[in-house]
Amino acid sequence: MDLIEKALARGARALSEYESKQLLAASGIPVTREVLATSAAEAADAAETIGFPVAIKGSGAELMHKTEAGAVVLNIMDAAGAAAAFERLAEKLGDRFEGVLVSEMVSAKRELVLGLHREPQFGPCVMLGIGGVMTEILNDTAFRVAPFDAAEARDMADELRANKIFAPFRGEAAVDMESLRKCLTALGDLALSREEIREIDINPMMIRPDGRLVAVDALVVLDGGDR
């Protein structure tokens, strides 16, 4: 069974962040380098392998909103800190805790949000917007009904009021628009190929200083899981 089939078999409402990113990466969407750790020692080893600083996030089937649950520890600078973060999250999260995701820290001034929602009337709709903490405040988004081509994906970027975010910015490179177009069309193709997917949320999709994109957080919500 694949990731989605396994999740539905256990009655999950959504894929974990780790599983969500595995699914996105298989579709060609760039994601952060990360390792799933189920012990403090594994967390320490993973952090050393990835390179400091790292972020450590609680992982579990019911942890769909980790920031709100206080399940994220940032800027960990050594192996001892990674092990301590594991133990702290295990104690705090209790039965919801299944391990931690040890992830590279991404430094970026610009953030996007990419998403997918399956509308009863129109089918799968892909969204692009300004991401991070400003997503709900700015409400600067564009939508397309899948399937759509690269030209329409480029039009989505042009439709944003803050479309200057894609240009060179304060010494940073312009966004890799070919990669952005591929990410947007990949979301639509993924929804068309897997009817079990109800929603996808990638927020933030950070823009690295060199213009490359990377999904820092992701959630895939399923139809058919226990709700």
N, C-alpha and C. Protein backbone atom coordinates (compact mmCIF):
# COMPACT_ATOMS: atom_id res chain seq x y z
N MET A 1 0.83 -1.20 0.00
CA MET A 1 0.00 0.00 0.00
C MET A 1 0.87 1.25 0.00
N ASP A 2 0.38 2.31 -0.62
CA ASP A 2 1.13 3.56 -0.60
C ASP A 2 0.74 4.39 0.62
N LEU A 3 1.29 5.60 0.73
CA LEU A 3 1.08 6.45 1.90
C LEU A 3 -0.39 6.72 2.15
N ILE A 4 -1.13 7.07 1.10
CA ILE A 4 -2.54 7.41 1.27
C ILE A 4 -3.35 6.18 1.66
N GLU A 5 -3.11 5.07 1.01
CA GLU A 5 -3.85 3.84 1.34
C GLU A 5 -3.59 3.41 2.78
N LYS A 6 -2.33 3.53 3.23
CA LYS A 6 -2.01 3.16 4.61
C LYS A 6 -2.71 4.08 5.60
N ALA A 7 -2.74 5.38 5.28
CA ALA A 7 -3.39 6.34 6.18
C ALA A 7 -4.88 6.06 6.28
N LEU A 8 -5.53 5.80 5.15
CA LEU A 8 -6.96 5.51 5.17
C LEU A 8 -7.26 4.20 5.89
N ALA A 9 -6.36 3.22 5.74
CA ALA A 9 -6.56 1.93 6.39
C ALA A 9 -6.56 2.06 7.91
N ARG A 10 -5.78 3.03 8.42
CA ARG A 10 -5.75 3.22 9.88
C ARG A 10 -6.77 4.28 10.34
N GLY A 11 -7.61 4.75 9.40
CA GLY A 11 -8.65 5.71 9.75
C GLY A 11 -8.16 7.11 9.96
N ALA A 12 -7.01 7.46 9.39
CA ALA A 12 -6.44 8.79 9.59
C ALA A 12 -7.23 9.84 8.82
N ARG A 13 -7.34 11.02 9.41
CA ARG A 13 -7.98 12.16 8.74
C ARG A 13 -7.05 12.87 7.81
N ALA A 14 -5.75 12.70 8.01
CA ALA A 14 -4.76 13.41 7.21
C ALA A 14 -3.44 12.66 7.27
N LEU A 15 -2.57 12.97 6.33
CA LEU A 15 -1.19 12.49 6.40
C LEU A 15 -0.44 13.34 7.42
N SER A 16 0.55 12.75 8.07
CA SER A 16 1.43 13.54 8.93
C SER A 16 2.23 14.50 8.06
N GLU A 17 2.90 15.47 8.68
CA GLU A 17 3.74 16.38 7.90
C GLU A 17 4.79 15.61 7.13
N TYR A 18 5.41 14.63 7.78
CA TYR A 18 6.44 13.83 7.12
C TYR A 18 5.87 13.11 5.90
N GLU A 19 4.72 12.47 6.07
CA GLU A 19 4.08 11.76 4.97
C GLU A 19 3.64 12.73 3.88
N SER A 20 3.09 13.89 4.30
CA SER A 20 2.64 14.89 3.33
C SER A 20 3.79 15.34 2.45
N LYS A 21 4.94 15.58 3.06
CA LYS A 21 6.09 16.04 2.29
C LYS A 21 6.65 14.93 1.39
N GLN A 22 6.58 13.70 1.86
CA GLN A 22 6.99 12.59 1.00
C GLN A 22 6.13 12.54 -0.26
N LEU A 23 4.83 12.72 -0.09
CA LEU A 23 3.91 12.70 -1.22
C LEU A 23 4.21 13.86 -2.17
N LEU A 24 4.43 15.04 -1.62
CA LEU A 24 4.72 16.21 -2.46
C LEU A 24 6.04 16.05 -3.19
N ALA A 25 7.06 15.56 -2.48
CA ALA A 25 8.37 15.38 -3.10
C ALA A 25 8.30 14.41 -4.27
N ALA A 26 7.48 13.36 -4.12
CA ALA A 26 7.32 12.38 -5.19
C ALA A 26 6.65 13.00 -6.42
N SER A 27 5.96 14.13 -6.22
CA SER A 27 5.32 14.84 -7.32
C SER A 27 6.19 15.96 -7.87
N GLY A 28 7.41 16.07 -7.37
CA GLY A 28 8.35 17.06 -7.87
C GLY A 28 8.32 18.39 -7.16
N ILE A 29 7.65 18.47 -6.02
CA ILE A 29 7.58 19.71 -5.25
C ILE A 29 8.72 19.71 -4.23
N PRO A 30 9.58 20.72 -4.22
CA PRO A 30 10.74 20.72 -3.31
C PRO A 30 10.32 20.90 -1.85
N VAL A 31 10.89 20.10 -0.98
CA VAL A 31 10.58 20.15 0.45
C VAL A 31 11.88 20.23 1.24
N THR A 32 11.77 20.57 2.51
CA THR A 32 12.94 20.67 3.37
C THR A 32 13.60 19.31 3.59
N ARG A 33 14.92 19.33 3.83
CA ARG A 33 15.63 18.12 4.23
C ARG A 33 15.25 17.81 5.67
N GLU A 34 14.83 16.60 5.93
CA GLU A 34 14.36 16.26 7.28
C GLU A 34 14.40 14.76 7.51
N VAL A 35 14.39 14.40 8.80
CA VAL A 35 14.44 13.01 9.22
C VAL A 35 13.41 12.80 10.32
N LEU A 36 12.68 11.69 10.24
CA LEU A 36 11.74 11.32 11.30
C LEU A 36 12.49 10.53 12.36
N ALA A 37 12.43 10.99 13.61
CA ALA A 37 13.14 10.35 14.72
C ALA A 37 12.16 9.89 15.79
N THR A 38 12.37 8.70 16.30
CA THR A 38 11.49 8.15 17.33
C THR A 38 12.18 7.96 18.68
N SER A 39 13.37 8.51 18.82
CA SER A 39 14.06 8.49 20.12
C SER A 39 14.93 9.74 20.20
N ALA A 40 15.34 10.08 21.42
CA ALA A 40 16.19 11.25 21.61
C ALA A 40 17.53 11.06 20.90
N ALA A 41 18.06 9.84 20.94
CA ALA A 41 19.33 9.58 20.28
C ALA A 41 19.21 9.74 18.77
N GLU A 42 18.10 9.25 18.21
CA GLU A 42 17.88 9.41 16.77
C GLU A 42 17.75 10.88 16.40
N ALA A 43 17.08 11.66 17.24
CA ALA A 43 16.92 13.09 16.98
C ALA A 43 18.28 13.79 16.98
N ALA A 44 19.14 13.44 17.93
CA ALA A 44 20.47 14.03 18.00
C ALA A 44 21.30 13.66 16.77
N ASP A 45 21.25 12.39 16.37
CA ASP A 45 22.01 11.94 15.20
C ASP A 45 21.50 12.63 13.93
N ALA A 46 20.18 12.74 13.81
CA ALA A 46 19.59 13.37 12.63
C ALA A 46 19.99 14.83 12.53
N ALA A 47 19.99 15.52 13.66
CA ALA A 47 20.37 16.93 13.67
C ALA A 47 21.81 17.11 13.22
N GLU A 48 22.69 16.25 13.68
CA GLU A 48 24.10 16.35 13.28
C GLU A 48 24.27 16.05 11.79
N THR A 49 23.48 15.13 11.27
CA THR A 49 23.56 14.79 9.85
C THR A 49 23.07 15.93 8.98
N ILE A 50 21.96 16.56 9.37
CA ILE A 50 21.38 17.66 8.59
C ILE A 50 22.25 18.90 8.68
N GLY A 51 22.77 19.16 9.88
CA GLY A 51 23.60 20.35 10.10
C GLY A 51 22.82 21.44 10.81
N PHE A 52 23.47 22.08 11.77
CA PHE A 52 22.81 23.07 12.61
C PHE A 52 22.79 24.44 11.96
N PRO A 53 21.78 25.24 12.30
CA PRO A 53 20.68 24.97 13.22
C PRO A 53 19.60 24.11 12.58
N VAL A 54 18.80 23.45 13.44
CA VAL A 54 17.69 22.65 12.98
C VAL A 54 16.42 23.06 13.71
N ALA A 55 15.29 22.67 13.15
CA ALA A 55 13.99 22.78 13.81
C ALA A 55 13.53 21.38 14.18
N ILE A 56 12.85 21.26 15.30
CA ILE A 56 12.29 19.97 15.71
C ILE A 56 10.80 20.16 15.96
N LYS A 57 10.00 19.32 15.29
CA LYS A 57 8.55 19.41 15.38
C LYS A 57 7.99 18.08 15.85
N GLY A 58 7.01 18.14 16.75
CA GLY A 58 6.33 16.93 17.15
C GLY A 58 5.62 16.31 15.97
N SER A 59 5.62 14.97 15.90
CA SER A 59 4.99 14.27 14.80
C SER A 59 3.97 13.29 15.36
N GLY A 60 2.78 13.28 14.74
CA GLY A 60 1.73 12.36 15.17
C GLY A 60 0.50 12.51 14.30
N ALA A 61 -0.31 11.48 14.23
CA ALA A 61 -1.47 11.48 13.35
C ALA A 61 -2.45 12.60 13.69
N GLU A 62 -2.50 13.01 14.96
CA GLU A 62 -3.46 14.04 15.37
C GLU A 62 -2.83 15.42 15.49
N LEU A 63 -1.58 15.55 15.12
CA LEU A 63 -0.89 16.85 15.23
C LEU A 63 -0.92 17.58 13.90
N MET A 64 -2.10 18.06 13.52
CA MET A 64 -2.23 18.74 12.23
C MET A 64 -1.88 20.22 12.34
N HIS A 65 -1.90 20.76 13.55
CA HIS A 65 -1.59 22.18 13.73
C HIS A 65 -0.55 22.30 14.85
N LYS A 66 0.69 22.08 14.48
CA LYS A 66 1.76 21.94 15.47
C LYS A 66 2.10 23.24 16.18
N THR A 67 2.07 24.36 15.46
CA THR A 67 2.41 25.63 16.10
C THR A 67 1.43 25.95 17.21
N GLU A 68 0.13 25.78 16.93
CA GLU A 68 -0.88 26.05 17.95
C GLU A 68 -0.74 25.12 19.15
N ALA A 69 -0.24 23.92 18.91
CA ALA A 69 -0.07 22.94 20.00
C ALA A 69 1.25 23.15 20.75
N GLY A 70 2.04 24.13 20.33
CA GLY A 70 3.34 24.35 20.96
C GLY A 70 4.31 23.22 20.71
N ALA A 71 4.20 22.61 19.51
CA ALA A 71 4.98 21.41 19.22
C ALA A 71 6.13 21.68 18.25
N VAL A 72 6.63 22.93 18.26
CA VAL A 72 7.73 23.30 17.36
C VAL A 72 8.84 23.97 18.18
N VAL A 73 10.06 23.50 18.01
CA VAL A 73 11.22 24.10 18.66
C VAL A 73 12.20 24.52 17.57
N LEU A 74 12.56 25.79 17.53
CA LEU A 74 13.38 26.33 16.45
C LEU A 74 14.81 26.63 16.92
N ASN A 75 15.69 26.77 15.94
CA ASN A 75 17.06 27.22 16.17
C ASN A 75 17.82 26.38 17.19
N ILE A 76 17.73 25.07 17.05
CA ILE A 76 18.50 24.17 17.90
C ILE A 76 19.92 24.08 17.35
N MET A 77 20.90 24.30 18.22
CA MET A 77 22.27 24.52 17.77
C MET A 77 23.23 23.36 18.03
N ASP A 78 22.78 22.31 18.74
CA ASP A 78 23.69 21.19 18.99
C ASP A 78 22.89 19.92 19.26
N ALA A 79 23.60 18.78 19.30
CA ALA A 79 22.95 17.48 19.46
C ALA A 79 22.24 17.36 20.81
N ALA A 80 22.86 17.93 21.85
CA ALA A 80 22.22 17.87 23.18
C ALA A 80 20.89 18.62 23.16
N GLY A 81 20.84 19.75 22.46
CA GLY A 81 19.59 20.50 22.36
C GLY A 81 18.53 19.73 21.60
N ALA A 82 18.94 18.97 20.58
CA ALA A 82 17.99 18.16 19.82
C ALA A 82 17.41 17.06 20.69
N ALA A 83 18.25 16.39 21.46
CA ALA A 83 17.78 15.33 22.36
C ALA A 83 16.84 15.89 23.42
N ALA A 84 17.19 17.06 23.96
CA ALA A 84 16.35 17.69 24.98
C ALA A 84 15.00 18.09 24.41
N ALA A 85 14.99 18.59 23.17
CA ALA A 85 13.73 18.97 22.53
C ALA A 85 12.85 17.75 22.32
N PHE A 86 13.44 16.63 21.96
CA PHE A 86 12.66 15.40 21.82
C PHE A 86 11.97 15.05 23.13
N GLU A 87 12.74 15.04 24.21
CA GLU A 87 12.17 14.66 25.50
C GLU A 87 11.09 15.65 25.95
N ARG A 88 11.31 16.93 25.69
CA ARG A 88 10.35 17.95 26.10
C ARG A 88 9.03 17.79 25.34
N LEU A 89 9.11 17.55 24.05
CA LEU A 89 7.89 17.39 23.25
C LEU A 89 7.17 16.09 23.59
N ALA A 90 7.92 15.04 23.85
CA ALA A 90 7.30 13.76 24.23
C ALA A 90 6.48 13.93 25.50
N GLU A 91 7.03 14.65 26.46
CA GLU A 91 6.31 14.86 27.73
C GLU A 91 5.10 15.78 27.52
N LYS A 92 5.27 16.81 26.72
CA LYS A 92 4.20 17.79 26.53
C LYS A 92 3.02 17.23 25.75
N LEU A 93 3.30 16.43 24.72
CA LEU A 93 2.24 15.99 23.81
C LEU A 93 1.56 14.70 24.25
N GLY A 94 2.18 13.94 25.10
CA GLY A 94 1.54 12.74 25.65
C GLY A 94 1.14 11.75 24.58
N ASP A 95 -0.15 11.35 24.61
CA ASP A 95 -0.64 10.31 23.70
C ASP A 95 -0.59 10.71 22.24
N ARG A 96 -0.54 12.01 21.97
CA ARG A 96 -0.50 12.46 20.57
C ARG A 96 0.89 12.32 19.96
N PHE A 97 1.89 12.06 20.79
CA PHE A 97 3.28 12.05 20.35
C PHE A 97 3.67 10.71 19.73
N GLU A 98 4.22 10.75 18.51
CA GLU A 98 4.70 9.55 17.85
C GLU A 98 6.18 9.65 17.48
N GLY A 99 6.76 10.82 17.66
CA GLY A 99 8.15 11.05 17.30
C GLY A 99 8.35 12.52 16.96
N VAL A 100 9.49 12.85 16.39
CA VAL A 100 9.74 14.23 15.99
C VAL A 100 10.27 14.26 14.56
N LEU A 101 10.06 15.38 13.92
CA LEU A 101 10.61 15.64 12.61
C LEU A 101 11.76 16.62 12.79
N VAL A 102 12.96 16.17 12.47
CA VAL A 102 14.16 17.01 12.56
C VAL A 102 14.39 17.61 11.18
N SER A 103 14.34 18.93 11.09
CA SER A 103 14.34 19.59 9.78
C SER A 103 15.39 20.69 9.70
N GLU A 104 15.90 20.91 8.49
CA GLU A 104 16.79 22.04 8.27
C GLU A 104 16.04 23.34 8.56
N MET A 105 16.74 24.33 9.06
CA MET A 105 16.20 25.67 9.21
C MET A 105 16.40 26.43 7.91
N VAL A 106 15.33 27.03 7.40
CA VAL A 106 15.40 27.77 6.15
C VAL A 106 15.28 29.25 6.45
N SER A 107 16.25 30.02 5.99
CA SER A 107 16.22 31.46 6.17
C SER A 107 15.69 32.10 4.89
N ALA A 108 14.61 32.88 5.01
CA ALA A 108 14.01 33.51 3.83
C ALA A 108 13.24 34.75 4.25
N LYS A 109 13.26 35.76 3.39
CA LYS A 109 12.49 36.98 3.62
C LYS A 109 11.11 36.92 2.98
N ARG A 110 10.94 36.01 2.01
CA ARG A 110 9.69 35.94 1.26
C ARG A 110 9.03 34.58 1.44
N GLU A 111 7.71 34.59 1.60
CA GLU A 111 6.97 33.36 1.83
C GLU A 111 5.70 33.34 0.98
N LEU A 112 5.41 32.16 0.44
CA LEU A 112 4.18 31.94 -0.31
C LEU A 112 3.33 30.90 0.39
N VAL A 113 2.09 30.80 -0.03
CA VAL A 113 1.22 29.69 0.37
C VAL A 113 0.67 29.06 -0.91
N LEU A 114 0.75 27.74 -0.99
CA LEU A 114 0.15 27.00 -2.09
C LEU A 114 -0.86 26.04 -1.49
N GLY A 115 -1.95 25.83 -2.18
CA GLY A 115 -2.96 24.96 -1.61
C GLY A 115 -3.84 24.32 -2.66
N LEU A 116 -4.63 23.39 -2.18
CA LEU A 116 -5.60 22.69 -3.03
C LEU A 116 -6.85 22.44 -2.20
N HIS A 117 -7.99 22.68 -2.80
CA HIS A 117 -9.26 22.36 -2.14
C HIS A 117 -10.19 21.75 -3.17
N ARG A 118 -10.83 20.66 -2.82
CA ARG A 118 -11.74 19.98 -3.74
C ARG A 118 -13.15 20.54 -3.55
N GLU A 119 -13.59 21.36 -4.49
CA GLU A 119 -14.90 21.99 -4.41
C GLU A 119 -15.97 21.08 -5.02
N PRO A 120 -17.13 20.92 -4.35
CA PRO A 120 -18.18 20.03 -4.88
C PRO A 120 -18.64 20.41 -6.28
N GLN A 121 -18.68 21.70 -6.59
CA GLN A 121 -19.20 22.14 -7.88
C GLN A 121 -18.14 22.15 -8.97
N PHE A 122 -16.90 22.56 -8.62
CA PHE A 122 -15.88 22.76 -9.64
C PHE A 122 -14.82 21.68 -9.69
N GLY A 123 -14.69 20.90 -8.61
CA GLY A 123 -13.62 19.92 -8.54
C GLY A 123 -12.38 20.50 -7.88
N PRO A 124 -11.19 19.95 -8.15
CA PRO A 124 -9.98 20.41 -7.47
C PRO A 124 -9.56 21.80 -7.92
N CYS A 125 -9.41 22.72 -6.94
CA CYS A 125 -9.00 24.09 -7.20
C CYS A 125 -7.65 24.34 -6.53
N VAL A 126 -6.70 24.85 -7.29
CA VAL A 126 -5.36 25.13 -6.78
C VAL A 126 -5.25 26.61 -6.45
N MET A 127 -4.58 26.92 -5.35
CA MET A 127 -4.46 28.30 -4.87
C MET A 127 -3.00 28.68 -4.71
N LEU A 128 -2.71 29.93 -5.03
CA LEU A 128 -1.41 30.55 -4.79
C LEU A 128 -1.63 31.86 -4.09
N GLY A 129 -0.83 32.14 -3.05
CA GLY A 129 -1.00 33.40 -2.34
C GLY A 129 0.26 33.80 -1.59
N ILE A 130 0.19 34.96 -0.95
CA ILE A 130 1.25 35.42 -0.07
C ILE A 130 1.15 34.63 1.22
N GLY A 131 2.26 34.04 1.67
CA GLY A 131 2.19 33.09 2.76
C GLY A 131 2.72 33.59 4.08
N GLY A 132 2.95 32.63 4.98
CA GLY A 132 3.43 32.95 6.32
C GLY A 132 2.33 33.51 7.19
N VAL A 133 2.72 34.31 8.18
CA VAL A 133 1.76 34.84 9.14
C VAL A 133 0.83 35.87 8.52
N MET A 134 1.16 36.37 7.31
CA MET A 134 0.35 37.40 6.67
C MET A 134 -0.75 36.83 5.77
N THR A 135 -0.84 35.51 5.66
CA THR A 135 -1.78 34.90 4.72
C THR A 135 -3.21 35.39 4.93
N GLU A 136 -3.71 35.27 6.16
CA GLU A 136 -5.10 35.63 6.43
C GLU A 136 -5.31 37.14 6.46
N ILE A 137 -4.27 37.90 6.80
CA ILE A 137 -4.40 39.35 6.87
C ILE A 137 -4.48 39.96 5.48
N LEU A 138 -3.57 39.54 4.60
CA LEU A 138 -3.51 40.13 3.26
C LEU A 138 -4.57 39.56 2.33
N ASN A 139 -4.87 38.28 2.48
CA ASN A 139 -5.86 37.61 1.62
C ASN A 139 -5.57 37.90 0.14
N ASP A 140 -4.32 37.75 -0.25
CA ASP A 140 -3.89 38.01 -1.62
C ASP A 140 -3.66 36.67 -2.29
N THR A 141 -4.67 36.18 -3.04
CA THR A 141 -4.64 34.83 -3.58
C THR A 141 -5.16 34.79 -5.01
N ALA A 142 -4.80 33.72 -5.70
CA ALA A 142 -5.31 33.44 -7.04
C ALA A 142 -5.64 31.96 -7.12
N PHE A 143 -6.64 31.61 -7.92
CA PHE A 143 -7.13 30.23 -8.00
C PHE A 143 -7.24 29.77 -9.46
N ARG A 144 -7.07 28.47 -9.66
CA ARG A 144 -7.34 27.83 -10.94
C ARG A 144 -7.95 26.45 -10.68
N VAL A 145 -8.88 26.08 -11.55
CA VAL A 145 -9.46 24.75 -11.49
C VAL A 145 -8.58 23.80 -12.31
N ALA A 146 -8.18 22.70 -11.71
CA ALA A 146 -7.34 21.72 -12.40
C ALA A 146 -8.18 20.93 -13.41
N PRO A 147 -7.57 20.55 -14.55
CA PRO A 147 -6.16 20.75 -14.91
C PRO A 147 -5.93 22.11 -15.56
N PHE A 148 -4.71 22.60 -15.45
CA PHE A 148 -4.33 23.83 -16.13
C PHE A 148 -2.86 23.72 -16.52
N ASP A 149 -2.42 24.58 -17.44
CA ASP A 149 -1.07 24.46 -17.97
C ASP A 149 -0.13 25.49 -17.34
N ALA A 150 1.12 25.47 -17.78
CA ALA A 150 2.14 26.34 -17.22
C ALA A 150 1.81 27.81 -17.44
N ALA A 151 1.20 28.13 -18.57
CA ALA A 151 0.85 29.53 -18.85
C ALA A 151 -0.18 30.04 -17.84
N GLU A 152 -1.16 29.22 -17.53
CA GLU A 152 -2.15 29.61 -16.53
C GLU A 152 -1.53 29.72 -15.15
N ALA A 153 -0.57 28.85 -14.85
CA ALA A 153 0.13 28.94 -13.57
C ALA A 153 0.87 30.26 -13.46
N ARG A 154 1.50 30.70 -14.56
CA ARG A 154 2.18 31.99 -14.57
C ARG A 154 1.18 33.13 -14.38
N ASP A 155 0.01 33.00 -14.98
CA ASP A 155 -1.03 34.02 -14.81
C ASP A 155 -1.45 34.14 -13.35
N MET A 156 -1.47 33.03 -12.62
CA MET A 156 -1.82 33.07 -11.20
C MET A 156 -0.86 33.98 -10.44
N ALA A 157 0.43 33.85 -10.73
CA ALA A 157 1.43 34.69 -10.06
C ALA A 157 1.22 36.16 -10.43
N ASP A 158 0.92 36.42 -11.69
CA ASP A 158 0.72 37.80 -12.13
C ASP A 158 -0.51 38.43 -11.48
N GLU A 159 -1.51 37.62 -11.13
CA GLU A 159 -2.75 38.14 -10.56
C GLU A 159 -2.60 38.62 -9.12
N LEU A 160 -1.59 38.18 -8.42
CA LEU A 160 -1.42 38.61 -7.04
C LEU A 160 -1.13 40.10 -6.99
N ARG A 161 -1.75 40.79 -6.05
CA ARG A 161 -1.49 42.22 -5.90
C ARG A 161 -0.02 42.47 -5.55
N ALA A 162 0.54 41.56 -4.77
CA ALA A 162 1.94 41.69 -4.35
C ALA A 162 2.85 40.88 -5.26
N ASN A 163 2.61 40.91 -6.58
CA ASN A 163 3.38 40.07 -7.49
C ASN A 163 4.84 40.51 -7.62
N LYS A 164 5.18 41.66 -7.07
CA LYS A 164 6.60 42.06 -7.07
C LYS A 164 7.44 41.16 -6.18
N ILE A 165 6.79 40.34 -5.39
CA ILE A 165 7.52 39.40 -4.53
C ILE A 165 8.34 38.42 -5.36
N PHE A 166 7.96 38.23 -6.62
CA PHE A 166 8.66 37.28 -7.48
C PHE A 166 9.90 37.89 -8.15
N ALA A 167 10.04 39.20 -8.07
CA ALA A 167 11.18 39.88 -8.68
C ALA A 167 12.37 39.88 -7.72
N PRO A 168 13.56 40.28 -8.19
CA PRO A 168 14.69 40.42 -7.26
C PRO A 168 14.30 41.32 -6.09
N PHE A 169 14.74 40.94 -4.87
CA PHE A 169 14.24 41.60 -3.66
C PHE A 169 15.36 41.77 -2.65
N ARG A 170 15.75 43.01 -2.37
CA ARG A 170 16.73 43.33 -1.33
C ARG A 170 17.97 42.44 -1.40
N GLY A 171 18.55 42.37 -2.59
CA GLY A 171 19.75 41.58 -2.77
C GLY A 171 19.52 40.11 -3.03
N GLU A 172 18.26 39.68 -3.02
CA GLU A 172 17.96 38.27 -3.29
C GLU A 172 17.50 38.11 -4.74
N ALA A 173 17.68 36.90 -5.26
CA ALA A 173 17.38 36.62 -6.66
C ALA A 173 15.87 36.56 -6.91
N ALA A 174 15.50 36.72 -8.18
CA ALA A 174 14.11 36.52 -8.59
C ALA A 174 13.71 35.07 -8.35
N VAL A 175 12.43 34.86 -8.15
CA VAL A 175 11.92 33.50 -7.91
C VAL A 175 12.11 32.64 -9.16
N ASP A 176 12.44 31.38 -8.94
CA ASP A 176 12.51 30.40 -10.01
C ASP A 176 11.08 30.12 -10.48
N MET A 177 10.62 30.87 -11.48
CA MET A 177 9.23 30.78 -11.91
C MET A 177 8.91 29.45 -12.57
N GLU A 178 9.89 28.82 -13.20
CA GLU A 178 9.65 27.50 -13.78
C GLU A 178 9.32 26.50 -12.67
N SER A 179 10.05 26.58 -11.56
CA SER A 179 9.77 25.70 -10.44
C SER A 179 8.39 25.99 -9.84
N LEU A 180 8.03 27.27 -9.73
CA LEU A 180 6.72 27.63 -9.19
C LEU A 180 5.62 27.08 -10.09
N ARG A 181 5.75 27.23 -11.39
CA ARG A 181 4.74 26.71 -12.31
C ARG A 181 4.60 25.20 -12.16
N LYS A 182 5.73 24.51 -12.01
CA LYS A 182 5.68 23.05 -11.86
C LYS A 182 4.99 22.66 -10.55
N CYS A 183 5.23 23.42 -9.49
CA CYS A 183 4.59 23.13 -8.20
C CYS A 183 3.07 23.27 -8.31
N LEU A 184 2.63 24.34 -8.94
CA LEU A 184 1.19 24.59 -9.06
C LEU A 184 0.50 23.53 -9.91
N THR A 185 1.07 23.22 -11.07
CA THR A 185 0.44 22.21 -11.91
C THR A 185 0.53 20.83 -11.28
N ALA A 186 1.60 20.57 -10.51
CA ALA A 186 1.73 19.28 -9.83
C ALA A 186 0.63 19.08 -8.81
N LEU A 187 0.25 20.14 -8.09
CA LEU A 187 -0.85 20.03 -7.13
C LEU A 187 -2.14 19.64 -7.84
N GLY A 188 -2.41 20.28 -8.97
CA GLY A 188 -3.61 19.94 -9.72
C GLY A 188 -3.58 18.51 -10.22
N ASP A 189 -2.44 18.09 -10.76
CA ASP A 189 -2.31 16.73 -11.27
C ASP A 189 -2.46 15.71 -10.14
N LEU A 190 -1.91 16.03 -8.97
CA LEU A 190 -2.00 15.12 -7.83
C LEU A 190 -3.46 14.93 -7.42
N ALA A 191 -4.22 16.02 -7.38
CA ALA A 191 -5.62 15.91 -7.00
C ALA A 191 -6.43 15.12 -8.03
N LEU A 192 -6.11 15.31 -9.30
CA LEU A 192 -6.84 14.59 -10.35
C LEU A 192 -6.54 13.10 -10.33
N SER A 193 -5.33 12.75 -9.91
CA SER A 193 -4.94 11.34 -9.89
C SER A 193 -5.33 10.63 -8.61
N ARG A 194 -5.58 11.39 -7.53
CA ARG A 194 -5.91 10.78 -6.24
C ARG A 194 -7.15 11.45 -5.66
N GLU A 195 -8.30 10.85 -5.91
CA GLU A 195 -9.56 11.41 -5.43
C GLU A 195 -9.68 11.36 -3.91
N GLU A 196 -8.80 10.60 -3.26
CA GLU A 196 -8.84 10.53 -1.79
C GLU A 196 -8.36 11.83 -1.14
N ILE A 197 -7.68 12.68 -1.90
CA ILE A 197 -7.16 13.93 -1.35
C ILE A 197 -8.25 14.99 -1.36
N ARG A 198 -8.56 15.53 -0.19
CA ARG A 198 -9.57 16.58 -0.08
C ARG A 198 -8.94 17.96 -0.06
N GLU A 199 -7.82 18.10 0.65
CA GLU A 199 -7.14 19.40 0.74
C GLU A 199 -5.63 19.20 0.83
N ILE A 200 -4.90 20.19 0.33
CA ILE A 200 -3.45 20.27 0.55
C ILE A 200 -3.13 21.69 0.95
N ASP A 201 -2.32 21.84 1.99
CA ASP A 201 -1.90 23.17 2.45
C ASP A 201 -0.38 23.18 2.57
N ILE A 202 0.26 24.03 1.79
CA ILE A 202 1.71 24.23 1.90
C ILE A 202 1.92 25.66 2.36
N ASN A 203 2.24 25.83 3.64
CA ASN A 203 2.40 27.18 4.20
C ASN A 203 3.32 27.13 5.42
N PRO A 204 4.52 27.71 5.27
CA PRO A 204 4.95 28.49 4.11
C PRO A 204 5.71 27.67 3.07
N MET A 205 5.60 28.14 1.84
CA MET A 205 6.54 27.77 0.79
C MET A 205 7.53 28.91 0.73
N MET A 206 8.72 28.70 1.25
CA MET A 206 9.69 29.79 1.36
C MET A 206 10.49 29.96 0.08
N ILE A 207 10.89 31.20 -0.16
CA ILE A 207 11.73 31.54 -1.30
C ILE A 207 13.14 31.76 -0.76
N ARG A 208 14.06 30.87 -1.10
CA ARG A 208 15.44 31.01 -0.64
C ARG A 208 16.09 32.24 -1.29
N PRO A 209 17.16 32.75 -0.69
CA PRO A 209 17.82 33.93 -1.26
C PRO A 209 18.22 33.77 -2.73
N ASP A 210 18.48 32.54 -3.16
CA ASP A 210 18.86 32.32 -4.56
C ASP A 210 17.66 32.12 -5.48
N GLY A 211 16.43 32.28 -4.94
CA GLY A 211 15.22 32.19 -5.74
C GLY A 211 14.59 30.81 -5.77
N ARG A 212 15.26 29.81 -5.18
CA ARG A 212 14.67 28.46 -5.16
C ARG A 212 13.55 28.38 -4.13
N LEU A 213 12.58 27.52 -4.41
CA LEU A 213 11.44 27.32 -3.52
C LEU A 213 11.66 26.10 -2.64
N VAL A 214 11.07 26.13 -1.43
CA VAL A 214 11.11 24.94 -0.56
C VAL A 214 9.90 24.97 0.36
N ALA A 215 9.18 23.86 0.39
CA ALA A 215 8.02 23.72 1.28
C ALA A 215 8.51 23.42 2.68
N VAL A 216 8.23 24.32 3.62
CA VAL A 216 8.68 24.18 5.00
C VAL A 216 7.65 23.44 5.85
N ASP A 217 6.38 23.62 5.55
CA ASP A 217 5.32 22.92 6.28
C ASP A 217 4.25 22.51 5.28
N ALA A 218 3.66 21.34 5.48
CA ALA A 218 2.66 20.84 4.54
C ALA A 218 1.69 19.92 5.26
N LEU A 219 0.44 19.94 4.77
CA LEU A 219 -0.60 19.08 5.32
C LEU A 219 -1.48 18.59 4.18
N VAL A 220 -1.69 17.28 4.13
CA VAL A 220 -2.59 16.68 3.16
C VAL A 220 -3.77 16.08 3.93
N VAL A 221 -4.96 16.61 3.67
CA VAL A 221 -6.19 16.15 4.33
C VAL A 221 -6.90 15.18 3.40
N LEU A 222 -7.43 14.10 3.97
CA LEU A 222 -7.99 13.02 3.18
C LEU A 222 -9.50 12.92 3.32
N ASP A 223 -10.15 12.42 2.28
CA ASP A 223 -11.53 11.97 2.36
C ASP A 223 -11.52 10.50 2.70
N GLY A 224 -12.45 10.09 3.53
CA GLY A 224 -12.56 8.68 3.85
C GLY A 224 -11.99 8.30 5.19
N GLY A 225 -11.20 9.21 5.82
CA GLY A 225 -10.69 8.92 7.15
C GLY A 225 -11.77 9.18 8.20
N ASP A 226 -11.58 8.67 9.40
CA ASP A 226 -12.52 8.91 10.49
C ASP A 226 -12.48 10.38 10.85
N ARG A 227 -13.66 11.02 10.93
CA ARG A 227 -13.73 12.43 11.26
C ARG A 227 -14.74 12.64 12.38
